[in-house]
Amino acid sequence: MSTAADLQERAVGDDGRTPWLRYLMLGATAIVMLYPLLWLVGASFKSNSEIFTSAGFWPDRFSLDAYAKGWKTSTEYTFATYFLNSFLITIPRIVVTVISCVLVAYAFARFEFWGKKTLFSIMVGTMMLPLIVLRLPQYLVFRELGWLDSYLPLIVPSAFATDTFFVFMLVQFLRGIPRDMEEAALIDGCNALQLLWHIIVPLLKPAIISVVVFQFIWTMNDFMGPLIYLASVEKYPVSLALKMSIGATEEVEWANVIAISVVALIPSVAVFFAAQKHFIEGATSSGVKG
C-alpha cells in the first residue's frame, strides 16, 4: 500500500518528466509543420538550379540576387506598385467591412424587429453558398455600372455587409456581452448610435480586430476577384503580379518567385502577430455565450 510520501514522490516525478516530454513532442510537431515555410525562406537565397537539387534549408551560398531581380519583375513596374495596389484594395475594404458588419450585427443582437429570425437564417444560409455561383451575376451588374477595370467591385460589396461570416461572428460575440452597461447608458440618455459608439464598439474590440486580421489576409491573398475585374497591369495586386511573374517566360526563375512570395507574406504575418492577443481572444470568445 502506497504511503503519502510515496504518492507525493511519484507526483513530483511525473511533474518532472511529463513537461519536457510534452514540450519535446510539441517542438517536433512544430518543426514538421513549419519546415515548408522555413524551406521557402531558405530557398529564396538559393540559385534556381539549387532549389531542385537540394531539399535542405541552408543554401550553399547566400545571395540576395533573387530578391533584387524578383522585385524588378519582367514588366515596367516594380513590386512596389503591386504592393501599393494591394493596400489600395485592402485598407478601404477593411474599413467598410468593419463599419457595415458592426452595424448589422448590432441590429441583429440588440434590436427586435419583424422577420429578424428569418433574415438571420437567410444570412447564415448564404455562408453555405459557393462564391463562384455569384461571380457571373456580379460581373454583369458591375459591367452595367461601368466599374470594370477598377477597384470598386472589390471594395463596394463589403460596404453592404456581404461578408456574412464576420456578421455572424460579431453577433455571437455580442450575445455573450451582458447588457448592464448598455442599460445604464440608456438611463443616462444615450441614443442607439451613442450607445453603439461609446459602449458596444469598445467591448467589441477583440472581435473587430479578428475581422481586420481575417479580411486583411483574405484580401491580400485574393486571386480570383482581381483576375475577373482588373485588366490593366498597372492596377494588379501582388497576387496577380506573382502569377504573372510565373507565366511571363518559358523558363521560370523560381528563385525570384519564391523570394517575392516571402516578401508578400510579410504584411500578413506582421498584422497577425501585431494583433495576435486580441485576435485569439476574439476568435475564441465569439462562439461562447457568457
Protein backbone atom coordinates (compact mmCIF):
# COMPACT_ATOMS: atom_id res chain seq x y z
CA MET A 1 0.00 0.00 0.00
CA SER A 2 1.45 3.37 -1.03
CA THR A 3 2.15 5.87 1.67
CA ALA A 4 1.54 9.60 1.41
CA ALA A 5 5.28 10.15 0.92
CA ASP A 6 5.39 7.66 -1.98
CA LEU A 7 2.42 9.31 -3.66
CA GLN A 8 3.98 12.74 -3.27
CA GLU A 9 7.30 11.48 -4.68
CA ARG A 10 5.52 9.87 -7.62
CA ALA A 11 3.59 13.08 -8.34
CA VAL A 12 6.77 15.13 -8.26
CA GLY A 13 8.45 12.61 -10.56
CA ASP A 14 5.59 12.74 -13.04
CA ASP A 15 5.59 16.52 -12.99
CA GLY A 16 9.32 16.49 -13.58
CA ARG A 17 9.21 14.07 -16.54
CA THR A 18 5.96 14.91 -18.28
CA PRO A 19 6.53 18.56 -19.17
CA TRP A 20 9.81 18.07 -21.07
CA LEU A 21 8.35 15.08 -22.95
CA ARG A 22 5.27 17.09 -23.85
CA TYR A 23 7.36 20.06 -24.99
CA LEU A 24 9.63 17.75 -26.99
CA MET A 25 6.64 16.30 -28.86
CA LEU A 26 5.15 19.74 -29.47
CA GLY A 27 8.51 21.03 -30.66
CA ALA A 28 8.93 18.12 -33.09
CA THR A 29 5.41 18.65 -34.43
CA ALA A 30 6.05 22.39 -34.82
CA ILE A 31 9.25 21.71 -36.79
CA VAL A 32 7.42 19.34 -39.14
CA MET A 33 4.60 21.87 -39.68
CA LEU A 34 6.92 24.87 -40.09
CA TYR A 35 9.58 23.22 -42.24
CA PRO A 36 7.88 24.03 -45.59
CA LEU A 37 7.79 27.70 -44.59
CA LEU A 38 11.40 27.57 -43.39
CA TRP A 39 12.40 25.89 -46.62
CA LEU A 40 10.62 28.63 -48.56
CA VAL A 41 12.66 31.28 -46.75
CA GLY A 42 15.89 29.36 -47.27
CA ALA A 43 15.12 28.70 -50.94
CA SER A 44 14.78 32.44 -51.54
CA PHE A 45 18.55 32.68 -51.03
CA LYS A 46 19.39 29.79 -53.37
CA SER A 47 20.07 29.75 -57.07
CA ASN A 48 17.44 28.49 -59.48
CA SER A 49 19.28 25.18 -60.02
CA GLU A 50 19.98 24.58 -56.33
CA ILE A 51 16.26 24.73 -55.48
CA PHE A 52 15.64 21.47 -57.38
CA THR A 53 18.81 19.69 -56.26
CA SER A 54 18.74 20.34 -52.51
CA ALA A 55 15.91 19.67 -50.04
CA GLY A 56 17.83 21.24 -47.18
CA PHE A 57 17.04 24.61 -45.69
CA TRP A 58 20.56 26.02 -45.67
CA PRO A 59 21.80 27.30 -49.08
CA ASP A 60 25.36 26.66 -50.23
CA ARG A 61 25.85 30.38 -50.76
CA PHE A 62 23.62 33.18 -49.53
CA SER A 63 22.59 35.53 -52.31
CA LEU A 64 20.10 38.40 -52.49
CA ASP A 65 20.03 38.36 -56.28
CA ALA A 66 16.63 36.64 -56.32
CA TYR A 67 15.11 39.44 -54.23
CA ALA A 68 16.62 42.14 -56.45
CA LYS A 69 15.58 40.50 -59.73
CA GLY A 70 12.17 39.45 -58.45
CA TRP A 71 11.38 42.95 -57.17
CA LYS A 72 12.03 44.46 -60.61
CA THR A 73 9.65 41.99 -62.36
CA SER A 74 9.52 41.43 -66.10
CA THR A 75 7.21 44.43 -66.64
CA GLU A 76 7.82 48.16 -66.49
CA TYR A 77 6.55 48.23 -62.90
CA THR A 78 8.27 47.03 -59.76
CA PHE A 79 6.58 45.11 -56.97
CA ALA A 80 6.32 48.40 -55.06
CA THR A 81 3.48 49.31 -57.45
CA TYR A 82 1.75 45.99 -56.91
CA PHE A 83 2.06 46.19 -53.13
CA LEU A 84 0.61 49.69 -53.22
CA ASN A 85 -2.29 48.41 -55.34
CA SER A 86 -2.93 45.62 -52.82
CA PHE A 87 -3.11 48.14 -49.99
CA LEU A 88 -5.40 50.40 -52.04
CA ILE A 89 -7.82 47.47 -52.18
CA THR A 90 -7.27 46.01 -48.73
CA ILE A 91 -7.41 49.08 -46.47
CA PRO A 92 -10.69 50.58 -47.83
CA ARG A 93 -12.26 47.14 -47.85
CA ILE A 94 -11.34 46.60 -44.20
CA VAL A 95 -12.82 49.98 -43.23
CA VAL A 96 -16.16 49.42 -44.96
CA THR A 97 -16.32 45.81 -43.75
CA VAL A 98 -15.88 46.80 -40.11
CA ILE A 99 -18.46 49.62 -40.30
CA SER A 100 -21.13 47.63 -42.15
CA CYS A 101 -20.70 44.38 -40.22
CA VAL A 102 -20.73 46.10 -36.81
CA LEU A 103 -23.95 47.95 -37.69
CA VAL A 104 -25.71 44.82 -38.98
CA ALA A 105 -24.51 42.68 -36.07
CA TYR A 106 -25.64 45.35 -33.60
CA ALA A 107 -29.11 45.32 -35.14
CA PHE A 108 -29.40 41.53 -35.05
CA ALA A 109 -28.06 41.21 -31.50
CA ARG A 110 -29.79 44.11 -29.75
CA PHE A 111 -32.99 45.04 -31.61
CA GLU A 112 -36.29 43.28 -32.11
CA PHE A 113 -37.97 43.75 -35.50
CA TRP A 114 -40.32 41.90 -37.81
CA GLY A 115 -38.68 38.99 -39.65
CA LYS A 116 -35.49 39.12 -37.59
CA LYS A 117 -35.12 35.35 -37.23
CA THR A 118 -35.94 34.76 -40.89
CA LEU A 119 -33.43 37.35 -42.08
CA PHE A 120 -30.75 35.99 -39.76
CA SER A 121 -31.40 32.45 -41.04
CA ILE A 122 -31.12 33.64 -44.64
CA MET A 123 -27.87 35.44 -43.81
CA VAL A 124 -26.41 32.30 -42.21
CA GLY A 125 -27.61 30.28 -45.19
CA THR A 126 -25.64 32.48 -47.59
CA MET A 127 -22.47 31.33 -45.82
CA MET A 128 -23.06 27.93 -47.40
CA LEU A 129 -23.34 29.41 -50.90
CA PRO A 130 -20.21 28.94 -53.07
CA LEU A 131 -18.79 32.29 -54.15
CA ILE A 132 -18.32 31.04 -57.70
CA VAL A 133 -22.13 30.98 -58.09
CA LEU A 134 -22.22 34.76 -57.61
CA ARG A 135 -19.39 35.61 -59.99
CA LEU A 136 -21.42 35.81 -63.21
CA PRO A 137 -24.35 37.94 -61.93
CA GLN A 138 -21.94 40.22 -60.07
CA TYR A 139 -19.82 40.65 -63.17
CA LEU A 140 -22.87 41.56 -65.26
CA VAL A 141 -24.01 44.12 -62.67
CA PHE A 142 -20.58 45.75 -62.40
CA ARG A 143 -20.26 45.82 -66.19
CA GLU A 144 -23.53 47.72 -66.46
CA LEU A 145 -22.31 50.16 -63.79
CA GLY A 146 -19.07 50.72 -65.69
CA TRP A 147 -16.93 49.54 -62.78
CA LEU A 148 -14.81 47.01 -64.66
CA ASP A 149 -11.03 47.55 -64.51
CA SER A 150 -11.39 49.43 -61.23
CA TYR A 151 -11.17 48.55 -57.56
CA LEU A 152 -14.84 49.31 -56.89
CA PRO A 153 -16.13 45.74 -57.47
CA LEU A 154 -13.58 44.52 -54.91
CA ILE A 155 -14.49 47.09 -52.25
CA VAL A 156 -18.09 48.30 -52.57
CA PRO A 157 -19.89 44.94 -51.92
CA SER A 158 -18.24 44.77 -48.47
CA ALA A 159 -19.93 48.08 -47.60
CA PHE A 160 -23.25 46.19 -47.55
CA ALA A 161 -22.14 43.53 -45.01
CA THR A 162 -21.83 40.84 -47.66
CA ASP A 163 -19.10 39.16 -45.59
CA THR A 164 -21.68 37.27 -43.57
CA PHE A 165 -19.12 35.26 -41.63
CA PHE A 166 -17.99 38.45 -39.91
CA VAL A 167 -21.58 39.46 -39.13
CA PHE A 168 -22.24 36.05 -37.60
CA MET A 169 -19.04 36.22 -35.53
CA LEU A 170 -19.86 39.70 -34.21
CA VAL A 171 -23.43 38.68 -33.38
CA GLN A 172 -22.19 35.70 -31.38
CA PHE A 173 -19.71 37.93 -29.57
CA LEU A 174 -22.39 40.50 -28.75
CA ARG A 175 -24.73 37.82 -27.39
CA GLY A 176 -22.09 36.94 -24.84
CA ILE A 177 -21.79 40.53 -23.53
CA PRO A 178 -24.07 41.43 -20.58
CA ARG A 179 -26.41 44.39 -21.12
CA ASP A 180 -25.80 46.07 -17.75
CA MET A 181 -23.62 48.88 -19.13
CA GLU A 182 -25.98 49.47 -22.03
CA GLU A 183 -28.99 49.74 -19.74
CA ALA A 184 -27.14 52.21 -17.53
CA ALA A 185 -26.20 54.28 -20.61
CA LEU A 186 -29.82 54.28 -21.77
CA ILE A 187 -30.92 55.59 -18.37
CA ASP A 188 -28.32 58.37 -18.73
CA GLY A 189 -29.93 59.41 -22.01
CA CYS A 190 -27.77 57.75 -24.70
CA ASN A 191 -29.45 57.04 -28.02
CA ALA A 192 -28.78 53.93 -30.11
CA LEU A 193 -25.81 55.39 -32.05
CA GLN A 194 -24.19 56.84 -28.93
CA LEU A 195 -24.66 53.50 -27.23
CA LEU A 196 -23.02 51.74 -30.16
CA TRP A 197 -20.02 54.09 -30.32
CA HIS A 198 -19.30 54.57 -26.62
CA ILE A 199 -20.29 51.18 -25.20
CA ILE A 200 -20.56 48.47 -27.84
CA VAL A 201 -17.55 49.26 -30.03
CA PRO A 202 -15.03 49.27 -27.13
CA LEU A 203 -16.44 45.96 -25.91
CA LEU A 204 -16.24 44.58 -29.45
CA LYS A 205 -12.57 45.47 -29.86
CA PRO A 206 -11.25 41.86 -29.81
CA ALA A 207 -13.86 40.73 -32.35
CA ILE A 208 -13.27 43.78 -34.57
CA ILE A 209 -9.53 43.08 -34.58
CA SER A 210 -10.33 39.50 -35.61
CA VAL A 211 -12.37 40.87 -38.52
CA VAL A 212 -9.48 43.13 -39.53
CA VAL A 213 -6.96 40.27 -39.45
CA PHE A 214 -9.19 37.88 -41.40
CA GLN A 215 -10.14 40.47 -44.00
CA PHE A 216 -6.55 41.66 -44.43
CA ILE A 217 -5.21 38.16 -45.05
CA TRP A 218 -8.10 37.10 -47.30
CA THR A 219 -7.97 40.26 -49.42
CA MET A 220 -4.19 40.21 -49.77
CA ASN A 221 -4.40 36.59 -50.95
CA ASP A 222 -7.45 37.08 -53.18
CA PHE A 223 -6.66 35.99 -56.71
CA MET A 224 -9.98 35.32 -58.44
CA GLY A 225 -11.58 38.71 -57.78
CA PRO A 226 -8.79 40.86 -59.26
CA LEU A 227 -8.37 38.38 -62.11
CA ILE A 228 -12.02 38.84 -63.14
CA TYR A 229 -12.40 42.60 -62.71
CA LEU A 230 -8.95 44.06 -63.46
CA ALA A 231 -7.50 44.27 -66.96
CA SER A 232 -4.71 46.86 -66.62
CA VAL A 233 -1.32 45.57 -65.46
CA GLU A 234 -0.60 48.78 -63.55
CA LYS A 235 -3.65 48.05 -61.34
CA TYR A 236 -2.71 44.47 -60.48
CA PRO A 237 -2.30 43.50 -56.80
CA VAL A 238 0.52 41.27 -55.56
CA SER A 239 -1.46 38.05 -56.05
CA LEU A 240 -1.84 38.64 -59.79
CA ALA A 241 1.69 40.01 -60.16
CA LEU A 242 3.11 36.80 -58.69
CA LYS A 243 1.15 34.67 -61.14
CA MET A 244 2.22 36.94 -63.99
CA SER A 245 5.88 36.53 -63.00
CA ILE A 246 5.49 32.75 -63.15
CA GLY A 247 3.96 32.72 -66.62
CA ALA A 248 5.95 35.60 -68.12
CA THR A 249 8.69 33.44 -69.65
CA GLU A 250 9.10 29.84 -70.79
CA GLU A 251 11.77 29.16 -68.15
CA VAL A 252 10.52 30.30 -64.76
CA GLU A 253 13.05 31.82 -62.40
CA TRP A 254 11.68 30.08 -59.33
CA ALA A 255 14.22 31.69 -57.02
CA ASN A 256 12.83 35.12 -57.92
CA VAL A 257 9.23 33.96 -57.48
CA ILE A 258 9.97 32.39 -54.10
CA ALA A 259 11.82 35.50 -52.92
CA ILE A 260 8.89 37.77 -53.72
CA SER A 261 6.47 35.23 -52.22
CA VAL A 262 8.40 35.55 -48.96
CA VAL A 263 8.15 39.34 -49.17
CA ALA A 264 4.41 39.07 -49.91
CA LEU A 265 3.94 37.02 -46.72
CA ILE A 266 5.48 39.69 -44.50
CA PRO A 267 2.45 42.07 -44.27
CA SER A 268 0.02 39.27 -43.36
CA VAL A 269 2.41 37.74 -40.81
CA ALA A 270 3.14 41.16 -39.31
CA VAL A 271 -0.57 42.01 -38.98
CA PHE A 272 -1.31 38.64 -37.38
CA PHE A 273 1.45 38.87 -34.76
CA ALA A 274 0.69 42.53 -34.05
CA ALA A 275 -2.93 41.64 -33.29
CA GLN A 276 -2.33 38.12 -32.00
CA LYS A 277 -3.55 38.69 -28.45
CA HIS A 278 -6.83 40.35 -29.42
CA PHE A 279 -7.30 38.08 -32.45
CA ILE A 280 -7.19 34.89 -30.40
CA GLU A 281 -9.42 36.41 -27.73
CA GLY A 282 -11.99 37.49 -30.31
CA ALA A 283 -11.92 34.18 -32.18
CA THR A 284 -12.41 32.13 -29.01
CA SER A 285 -15.00 34.40 -27.41
CA SER A 286 -17.23 34.78 -30.47
CA GLY A 287 -18.75 31.34 -30.02
CA VAL A 288 -19.18 31.49 -26.23
CA LYS A 289 -22.28 32.87 -24.55
CA GLY A 290 -21.46 34.09 -21.05
